[in-house]
C-alpha atoms as a PDB file:
ATOM      1  CA  MET A   1       4.761  34.033 -40.844  1.00  0.00           C
ATOM      2  CA  GLU A   2       2.371  33.845 -37.898  1.00  0.00           C
ATOM      3  CA  GLN A   3       2.543  30.616 -35.933  1.00  0.00           C
ATOM      4  CA  VAL A   4      -0.716  28.655 -35.991  1.00  0.00           C
ATOM      5  CA  LYS A   5      -2.215  28.204 -32.536  1.00  0.00           C
ATOM      6  CA  CYS A   6      -3.177  24.702 -31.446  1.00  0.00           C
ATOM      7  CA  PRO A   7      -6.975  24.402 -31.950  1.00  0.00           C
ATOM      8  CA  GLY A   8      -7.291  22.691 -28.580  1.00  0.00           C
ATOM      9  CA  GLN A   9      -5.785  25.743 -26.869  1.00  0.00           C
ATOM     10  CA  ASP A  10      -7.418  28.382 -29.069  1.00  0.00           C
ATOM     11  CA  THR A  11     -10.516  29.741 -27.283  1.00  0.00           C
ATOM     12  CA  ARG A  12     -12.182  30.505 -30.646  1.00  0.00           C
ATOM     13  CA  PHE A  13     -12.768  26.748 -31.019  1.00  0.00           C
ATOM     14  CA  TRP A  14     -14.074  26.159 -27.494  1.00  0.00           C
ATOM     15  CA  LYS A  15     -17.561  24.919 -26.689  1.00  0.00           C
ATOM     16  CA  PRO A  16     -19.779  26.057 -23.770  1.00  0.00           C
ATOM     17  CA  GLY A  17     -18.683  23.160 -21.508  1.00  0.00           C
ATOM     18  CA  ASP A  18     -14.990  24.001 -21.864  1.00  0.00           C
ATOM     19  CA  ILE A  19     -15.253  26.413 -18.925  1.00  0.00           C
ATOM     20  CA  PHE A  20     -16.745  24.727 -15.894  1.00  0.00           C
ATOM     21  CA  ALA A  21     -16.961  24.764 -12.097  1.00  0.00           C
ATOM     22  CA  VAL A  22     -15.406  22.073  -9.889  1.00  0.00           C
ATOM     23  CA  GLU A  23     -15.918  21.506  -6.181  1.00  0.00           C
ATOM     24  CA  CYS A  24     -12.716  21.912  -4.140  1.00  0.00           C
ATOM     25  CA  PRO A  25     -11.954  18.461  -2.668  1.00  0.00           C
ATOM     26  CA  LYS A  26     -10.927  20.022   0.654  1.00  0.00           C
ATOM     27  CA  CYS A  27     -13.526  22.676   1.471  1.00  0.00           C
ATOM     28  CA  GLY A  28     -16.264  22.186  -1.137  1.00  0.00           C
ATOM     29  CA  ALA A  29     -16.001  25.713  -2.590  1.00  0.00           C
ATOM     30  CA  GLU A  30     -16.801  26.115  -6.288  1.00  0.00           C
ATOM     31  CA  ILE A  31     -13.685  26.800  -8.394  1.00  0.00           C
ATOM     32  CA  GLU A  32     -13.806  27.764 -12.082  1.00  0.00           C
ATOM     33  CA  PHE A  33     -11.549  25.856 -14.500  1.00  0.00           C
ATOM     34  CA  PHE A  34     -10.787  26.361 -18.170  1.00  0.00           C
ATOM     35  CA  LYS A  35     -10.393  23.040 -19.957  1.00  0.00           C
ATOM     36  CA  ASP A  36      -6.655  23.616 -20.522  1.00  0.00           C
ATOM     37  CA  ASP A  37      -5.850  24.610 -16.911  1.00  0.00           C
ATOM     38  CA  THR A  38      -3.580  21.965 -15.417  1.00  0.00           C
ATOM     39  CA  ARG A  39      -4.352  22.966 -11.817  1.00  0.00           C
ATOM     40  CA  ARG A  40      -5.879  25.724  -9.721  1.00  0.00           C
ATOM     41  CA  ARG A  41      -5.576  26.911  -6.142  1.00  0.00           C
ATOM     42  CA  CYS A  42      -8.791  27.254  -4.158  1.00  0.00           C
ATOM     43  CA  ALA A  43      -9.366  30.906  -3.282  1.00  0.00           C
ATOM     44  CA  TRP A  44     -11.057  29.891  -0.017  1.00  0.00           C
ATOM     45  CA  CYS A  45      -8.781  27.278   1.580  1.00  0.00           C
ATOM     46  CA  GLY A  46      -5.632  27.514  -0.571  1.00  0.00           C
ATOM     47  CA  HIS A  47      -5.694  23.837  -1.647  1.00  0.00           C
ATOM     48  CA  LEU A  48      -3.906  23.255  -4.978  1.00  0.00           C
ATOM     49  CA  PHE A  49      -5.512  20.528  -7.081  1.00  0.00           C
ATOM     50  CA  TYR A  50      -5.399  19.224 -10.643  1.00  0.00           C
ATOM     51  CA  ASN A  51      -8.102  19.815 -13.218  1.00  0.00           C
ATOM     52  CA  PRO A  52     -10.186  16.619 -13.033  1.00  0.00           C
ATOM     53  CA  LYS A  53     -11.330  17.022 -16.664  1.00  0.00           C
ATOM     54  CA  ILE A  54      -8.024  17.930 -18.274  1.00  0.00           C
ATOM     55  CA  GLU A  55      -7.480  16.234 -21.613  1.00  0.00           C
ATOM     56  CA  LEU A  56      -4.022  16.853 -22.980  1.00  0.00           C
ATOM     57  CA  GLY A  57      -3.475  13.465 -24.566  1.00  0.00           C
ATOM     58  CA  CYS A  58      -2.028  15.322 -27.548  1.00  0.00           C
ATOM     59  CA  ALA A  59       0.996  16.155 -25.337  1.00  0.00           C
ATOM     60  CA  GLU A  60       1.974  12.479 -25.570  1.00  0.00           C
ATOM     61  CA  TYR A  61       2.645  12.637 -29.298  1.00  0.00           C
ATOM     62  CA  CYS A  62       2.659  16.260 -30.487  1.00  0.00           C
ATOM     63  CA  GLN A  63       6.094  17.520 -31.544  1.00  0.00           C
ATOM     64  CA  TYR A  64       5.262  20.951 -30.071  1.00  0.00           C
ATOM     65  CA  ALA A  65       4.119  19.707 -26.626  1.00  0.00           C
ATOM     66  CA  ASP A  66       7.274  21.021 -24.946  1.00  0.00           C
ATOM     67  CA  LYS A  67       6.434  24.522 -26.254  1.00  0.00           C
ATOM     68  CA  CYS A  68       2.650  24.395 -25.854  1.00  0.00           C
ATOM     69  CA  VAL A  69       2.491  23.034 -22.279  1.00  0.00           C
ATOM     70  CA  PRO A  70       6.154  23.035 -21.162  1.00  0.00           C
ATOM     71  CA  GLU A  71       5.592  22.697 -17.415  1.00  0.00           C
ATOM     72  CA  LEU A  72       3.167  19.821 -17.777  1.00  0.00           C
ATOM     73  CA  PHE A  73       5.301  18.119 -20.442  1.00  0.00           C
ATOM     74  CA  GLN A  74       8.540  18.222 -18.408  1.00  0.00           C
ATOM     75  CA  GLU A  75       6.834  17.185 -15.178  1.00  0.00           C
ATOM     76  CA  ARG A  76       5.058  14.289 -16.860  1.00  0.00           C
ATOM     77  CA  GLN A  77       8.208  13.045 -18.621  1.00  0.00           C
ATOM     78  CA  ALA A  78      10.323  13.144 -15.447  1.00  0.00           C
ATOM     79  CA  THR A  79       7.625  11.473 -13.341  1.00  0.00           C
ATOM     80  CA  LEU A  80       6.999   8.727 -15.898  1.00  0.00           C
ATOM     81  CA  MET A  81      10.689   7.889 -16.226  1.00  0.00           C
ATOM     82  CA  PHE A  82      11.190   7.766 -12.461  1.00  0.00           C
ATOM     83  CA  LYS A  83       8.008   5.733 -11.941  1.00  0.00           C
ATOM     84  CA  GLU A  84       8.983   3.203 -14.613  1.00  0.00           C
ATOM     85  CA  ARG A  85      12.486   2.675 -13.223  1.00  0.00           C
ATOM     86  CA  LEU A  86      11.237   2.432  -9.653  1.00  0.00           C
ATOM     87  CA  GLY A  87       8.400   0.080 -10.585  1.00  0.00           C
ATOM     88  CA  GLU A  88      10.790  -2.197 -12.458  1.00  0.00           C
ATOM     89  CA  ARG A  89      13.126  -2.408  -9.428  1.00  0.00           C
ATOM     90  CA  VAL A  90      10.313  -3.074  -6.928  1.00  0.00           C
ATOM     91  CA  ARG A  91       8.846  -5.779  -9.181  1.00  0.00           C
ATOM     92  CA  GLU A  92      12.268  -7.482  -9.350  1.00  0.00           C
ATOM     93  CA  LEU A  93      12.553  -7.453  -5.558  1.00  0.00           C
ATOM     94  CA  THR A  94       9.024  -8.782  -4.999  1.00  0.00           C
ATOM     95  CA  ALA A  95       8.934 -11.305  -7.875  1.00  0.00           C
ATOM     96  CA  ALA A  96       8.778 -14.217  -5.415  1.00  0.00           C
ATOM     97  CA  ASP A  97       5.312 -13.102  -4.263  1.00  0.00           C
ATOM     98  CA  PRO A  98       2.892 -13.024  -7.235  1.00  0.00           C
ATOM     99  CA  ALA A  99       0.157 -11.346  -5.164  1.00  0.00           C
ATOM    100  CA  VAL A 100       2.304  -8.210  -4.829  1.00  0.00           C
ATOM    101  CA  ALA A 101       2.109  -7.425  -8.575  1.00  0.00           C
ATOM    102  CA  GLY A 102      -1.683  -7.200  -8.486  1.00  0.00           C
ATOM    103  CA  ARG A 103      -1.617  -5.029  -5.354  1.00  0.00           C
ATOM    104  CA  LEU A 104       0.908  -2.682  -6.964  1.00  0.00           C
ATOM    105  CA  GLU A 105      -1.226  -2.227 -10.078  1.00  0.00           C
ATOM    106  CA  GLN A 106      -4.370  -1.658  -8.026  1.00  0.00           C
ATOM    107  CA  GLY A 107      -2.506   0.783  -5.780  1.00  0.00           C
ATOM    108  CA  LEU A 108      -1.282   2.770  -8.780  1.00  0.00           C
ATOM    109  CA  ARG A 109      -4.842   2.972 -10.142  1.00  0.00           C
ATOM    110  CA  TYR A 110      -6.117   4.250  -6.791  1.00  0.00           C
ATOM    111  CA  ALA A 111      -3.234   6.746  -6.602  1.00  0.00           C
ATOM    112  CA  ALA A 112      -3.961   8.039 -10.123  1.00  0.00           C
ATOM    113  CA  ASP A 113      -7.652   8.556  -9.244  1.00  0.00           C
ATOM    114  CA  LEU A 114      -6.807  10.367  -6.015  1.00  0.00           C
ATOM    115  CA  LEU A 115      -4.118  12.555  -7.613  1.00  0.00           C
ATOM    116  CA  LYS A 116      -6.457  13.583 -10.410  1.00  0.00           C
ATOM    117  CA  ALA A 117      -9.237  14.582  -8.035  1.00  0.00           C
ATOM    118  CA  GLU A 118      -7.306  15.835  -5.014  1.00  0.00           C
ATOM    119  CA  GLY A 119      -3.988  17.201  -6.291  1.00  0.00           C
ATOM    120  CA  GLY A 120      -0.678  16.247  -4.682  1.00  0.00           C
ATOM    121  CA  ASP A 121       2.792  15.476  -5.998  1.00  0.00           C
ATOM    122  CA  PRO A 122       2.580  12.510  -8.418  1.00  0.00           C
ATOM    123  CA  LYS A 123       6.259  11.633  -7.989  1.00  0.00           C
ATOM    124  CA  VAL A 124       5.978  11.374  -4.196  1.00  0.00           C
ATOM    125  CA  VAL A 125       2.616   9.610  -4.118  1.00  0.00           C
ATOM    126  CA  MET A 126       3.329   7.078  -6.887  1.00  0.00           C
ATOM    127  CA  ALA A 127       6.769   6.263  -5.454  1.00  0.00           C
ATOM    128  CA  ALA A 128       5.377   5.716  -1.961  1.00  0.00           C
ATOM    129  CA  VAL A 129       2.654   3.419  -3.321  1.00  0.00           C
ATOM    130  CA  LEU A 130       5.211   1.437  -5.336  1.00  0.00           C
ATOM    131  CA  LEU A 131       7.528   1.090  -2.334  1.00  0.00           C
ATOM    132  CA  HIS A 132       4.873   0.065   0.203  1.00  0.00           C
ATOM    133  CA  PRO A 133       5.622  -3.721   0.015  1.00  0.00           C
ATOM    134  CA  LEU A 134       9.293  -3.172   0.956  1.00  0.00           C
ATOM    135  CA  PRO A 135      10.803  -2.758   4.443  1.00  0.00           C
ATOM    136  CA  PRO A 136      11.731   0.911   5.141  1.00  0.00           C
ATOM    137  CA  GLU A 137      15.511   0.457   4.861  1.00  0.00           C
ATOM    138  CA  GLN A 138      15.193  -1.474   1.607  1.00  0.00           C
ATOM    139  CA  ALA A 139      12.878   1.230   0.235  1.00  0.00           C
ATOM    140  CA  ARG A 140      15.464   3.886   1.141  1.00  0.00           C
ATOM    141  CA  GLN A 141      18.206   1.868  -0.552  1.00  0.00           C
ATOM    142  CA  VAL A 142      16.171   1.444  -3.753  1.00  0.00           C
ATOM    143  CA  LEU A 143      15.641   5.214  -3.930  1.00  0.00           C
ATOM    144  CA  ALA A 144      19.359   5.802  -3.300  1.00  0.00           C
ATOM    145  CA  ASP A 145      20.265   3.314  -6.062  1.00  0.00           C
ATOM    146  CA  LEU A 146      18.099   5.372  -8.453  1.00  0.00           C
ATOM    147  CA  GLU A 147      20.013   8.513  -7.391  1.00  0.00           C
ATOM    148  CA  THR A 148      16.867  10.156  -6.040  1.00  0.00           C
ATOM    149  CA  GLU A 149      17.406  13.591  -4.501  1.00  0.00           C
ATOM    150  CA  PRO A 150      17.715  13.320  -0.681  1.00  0.00           C
ATOM    151  CA  GLU A 151      14.806  15.741  -0.133  1.00  0.00           C
ATOM    152  CA  MET A 152      12.614  13.621  -2.410  1.00  0.00           C
ATOM    153  CA  VAL A 153      13.655  10.430  -0.587  1.00  0.00           C
ATOM    154  CA  ASP A 154      12.653  11.992   2.738  1.00  0.00           C
ATOM    155  CA  ALA A 155       9.330  13.235   1.293  1.00  0.00           C
ATOM    156  CA  ILE A 156       8.461   9.802  -0.158  1.00  0.00           C
ATOM    157  CA  LEU A 157       9.340   7.843   2.973  1.00  0.00           C
ATOM    158  CA  ALA A 158       7.598  10.345   5.267  1.00  0.00           C
ATOM    159  CA  ALA A 159       4.389  10.044   3.209  1.00  0.00           C
ATOM    160  CA  LEU A 160       4.694   6.246   3.252  1.00  0.00           C
ATOM    161  CA  ARG A 161       5.128   6.153   7.048  1.00  0.00           C
ATOM    162  CA  GLY A 162       2.264   8.596   7.560  1.00  0.00           C
ATOM    163  CA  SER A 163       4.674  10.847   9.448  1.00  0.00           C
ATOM    164  CA  PRO A 164       3.345  14.124  10.905  1.00  0.00           C
ATOM    165  CA  ASP A 165       6.357  15.797   9.239  1.00  0.00           C
ATOM    166  CA  ALA A 166       5.199  14.751   5.754  1.00  0.00           C
ATOM    167  CA  ASP A 167       3.370  17.090   3.405  1.00  0.00           C
ATOM    168  CA  PRO A 168      -0.241  16.593   4.565  1.00  0.00           C
ATOM    169  CA  GLY A 169      -1.663  16.345   1.055  1.00  0.00           C
ATOM    170  CA  ASN A 170       0.774  13.660  -0.092  1.00  0.00           C
ATOM    171  CA  ARG A 171       0.591  11.795   3.234  1.00  0.00           C
ATOM    172  CA  ASP A 172      -3.211  11.703   3.138  1.00  0.00           C
ATOM    173  CA  LEU A 173      -3.273  10.365  -0.415  1.00  0.00           C
ATOM    174  CA  VAL A 174      -0.727   7.621   0.307  1.00  0.00           C
ATOM    175  CA  GLN A 175      -2.442   6.558   3.539  1.00  0.00           C
ATOM    176  CA  ASP A 176      -5.826   6.498   1.792  1.00  0.00           C
ATOM    177  CA  VAL A 177      -4.399   4.275  -0.971  1.00  0.00           C
ATOM    178  CA  LEU A 178      -2.942   1.882   1.619  1.00  0.00           C
ATOM    179  CA  ALA A 179      -6.286   1.735   3.456  1.00  0.00           C
ATOM    180  CA  LEU A 180      -8.086   0.992   0.178  1.00  0.00           C
ATOM    181  CA  LEU A 181      -5.590  -1.772  -0.604  1.00  0.00           C
ATOM    182  CA  LYS A 182      -6.310  -3.356   2.772  1.00  0.00           C
ATOM    183  CA  GLY A 183      -9.954  -3.489   1.737  1.00  0.00           C
ATOM    184  CA  GLU A 184     -11.094  -1.024   4.382  1.00  0.00           C
ATOM    185  CA  ARG A 185     -14.537   0.328   3.548  1.00  0.00           C
ATOM    186  CA  THR A 186     -15.389   2.407   6.597  1.00  0.00           C
ATOM    187  CA  ALA A 187     -11.968   3.828   7.495  1.00  0.00           C
ATOM    188  CA  PRO A 188     -11.799   7.518   8.370  1.00  0.00           C
ATOM    189  CA  PHE A 189     -10.461   8.443   4.942  1.00  0.00           C
ATOM    190  CA  ALA A 190      -8.755  11.810   4.602  1.00  0.00           C
ATOM    191  CA  THR A 191     -10.149  12.448   1.116  1.00  0.00           C
ATOM    192  CA  LYS A 192     -13.657  12.403  -0.336  1.00  0.00           C
ATOM    193  CA  THR A 193     -12.386  10.528  -3.379  1.00  0.00           C
ATOM    194  CA  ALA A 194     -11.057   7.628  -1.284  1.00  0.00           C
ATOM    195  CA  ALA A 195     -14.350   7.404   0.622  1.00  0.00           C
ATOM    196  CA  ARG A 196     -16.189   7.289  -2.716  1.00  0.00           C
ATOM    197  CA  LEU A 197     -13.873   4.552  -4.052  1.00  0.00           C
ATOM    198  CA  ALA A 198     -14.301   2.558  -0.847  1.00  0.00           C
ATOM    199  CA  ALA A 199     -18.069   2.756  -1.224  1.00  0.00           C
ATOM    200  CA  GLY A 200     -17.740   1.443  -4.773  1.00  0.00           C
ATOM    201  CA  GLY A 201     -18.517   4.750  -6.464  1.00  0.00           C
END
């Protein structure tokens, strides 16, 4: 018996707006996306970024999500689990300062907006934003306690420090989030999305 294809992925059910052009956040070139593309690489500058209009909410509950969109499903599950455990630990350590909780939530919202529009590694960016209230050695220890891979620990802390050795995309996103959290409105933001958020757009 032929397996039924998910209507959301079956192009026979698509509407005209399901194929669209998006401006590359780095160079401004026009890149074509299909609605079910998770990410695309810009043919002009090579920047890899996520589909800003992707809607795969069905992957949260569908029993076939691991077969339909396996890469996205596995990546999302691993990132969510890590983020939840890390967030819980940071909140325990900063419980004495109630203002930190609000900053963490706002920082995560900024990070989600930037990741969606600009690309980047969600695990690195979200972890760095969560860890920003902690001293560097304490942040390293928290990651070690969660048995984070050493390469991932280095990537997270490098992005958090704004190190020249960090992946530029992740570093720029983290530094833009930290600038937004400080309330900077005219900072030389690395991303267009951060500049738009700072301007209230």
